[in-house]
Protein backbone atom coordinates (compact mmCIF):
# COMPACT_ATOMS: atom_id res chain seq x y z
CA MET A 1 202.30 237.02 -29.35
CA MET A 2 199.17 238.98 -29.95
CA GLY A 3 197.48 240.69 -27.05
CA LYS A 4 194.00 241.89 -26.30
CA ILE A 5 192.67 243.82 -23.36
CA VAL A 6 189.19 244.21 -21.97
CA ILE A 7 188.39 247.31 -19.94
CA ASP A 8 185.50 247.03 -17.47
CA GLU A 9 183.65 250.35 -17.81
CA GLU A 10 181.95 249.77 -14.46
CA TYR A 11 185.31 250.21 -12.70
CA CYS A 12 187.29 252.47 -15.09
CA LYS A 13 187.36 256.11 -13.98
CA GLY A 14 189.24 257.35 -17.04
CA CYS A 15 192.38 258.33 -15.11
CA GLY A 16 194.55 257.70 -18.18
CA LEU A 17 197.37 255.78 -16.49
CA CYS A 18 196.90 252.83 -18.83
CA ILE A 19 197.07 255.18 -21.82
CA SER A 20 200.31 256.73 -20.55
CA PHE A 21 202.03 253.39 -19.99
CA CYS A 22 200.92 251.52 -23.13
CA PRO A 23 204.07 251.17 -25.27
CA GLN A 24 201.97 250.41 -28.36
CA LYS A 25 199.56 253.35 -27.87
CA ALA A 26 196.63 250.95 -28.25
CA ILE A 27 194.40 252.59 -25.61
CA ARG A 28 192.58 255.89 -25.75
CA VAL A 29 189.90 257.79 -23.84
CA SER A 30 186.43 256.90 -25.05
CA ASN A 31 183.99 259.52 -26.30
CA SER A 32 181.20 257.66 -24.52
CA VAL A 33 180.27 258.23 -20.89
CA SER A 34 179.91 255.29 -18.52
CA LYS A 35 176.90 254.86 -16.25
CA ASN A 36 179.12 256.26 -13.48
CA GLY A 37 179.71 259.48 -15.45
CA TYR A 38 183.30 258.85 -16.55
CA HIS A 39 184.92 258.73 -19.98
CA PRO A 40 186.51 255.28 -19.67
CA ALA A 41 189.55 254.06 -21.53
CA GLU A 42 188.96 251.94 -24.61
CA PHE A 43 191.12 249.45 -26.48
CA LEU A 44 191.80 250.53 -30.04
CA ASP A 45 194.25 248.31 -31.86
CA PRO A 46 193.27 247.91 -35.53
CA GLY A 47 196.83 247.01 -36.52
CA GLY A 48 197.18 244.25 -33.92
CA GLU A 49 200.16 245.93 -32.26
CA CYS A 50 199.23 244.95 -28.68
CA THR A 51 201.69 242.39 -27.33
CA GLY A 52 199.80 241.63 -24.13
CA CYS A 53 202.61 243.09 -21.99
CA ALA A 54 200.03 243.93 -19.28
CA LEU A 55 201.60 247.27 -18.30
CA CYS A 56 198.16 248.81 -18.61
CA ALA A 57 196.65 246.32 -16.16
CA LEU A 58 199.54 246.69 -13.73
CA MET A 59 199.16 250.47 -13.68
CA CYS A 60 195.35 250.50 -13.37
CA PRO A 61 194.52 251.58 -9.81
CA ASP A 62 191.00 250.14 -10.11
CA ALA A 63 191.92 246.72 -11.56
CA ALA A 64 189.58 247.41 -14.48
CA ILE A 65 191.74 245.78 -17.19
CA THR A 66 192.02 242.12 -18.15
CA VAL A 67 194.80 241.09 -20.54
CA SER A 68 194.91 238.01 -22.75
CA ARG A 69 197.61 236.78 -25.11
CA ALA A 70 197.52 234.35 -28.00
CA LYS A 71 200.05 233.08 -30.47
CA LYS A 72 199.74 234.54 -33.94
CA ALA A 73 198.69 232.24 -36.72
CA VAL A 74 201.34 230.97 -39.14
CA GLY A 75 201.89 233.53 -41.87
CA GLU A 76 200.35 236.36 -39.87
CA LYS A 77 202.45 239.54 -39.87
CA LYS A 78 204.29 240.69 -36.76
């Protein structure tokens, strides 16, 4: 399975819980500042390591993360 997350910057306060709990280390703090004045988390997974486990979404106190999962195409690595 290949995962993808979407972080809603309107709700993310940059607490970092999602970053701490991501087993694939596919989330980091953004350099940008949201309209609310926070450095939100951002999804960064160039290697496609995210499995869609949803630990990040479960740990987010503001419900700012949506997780989706898709099957990998035939022949696609890992």
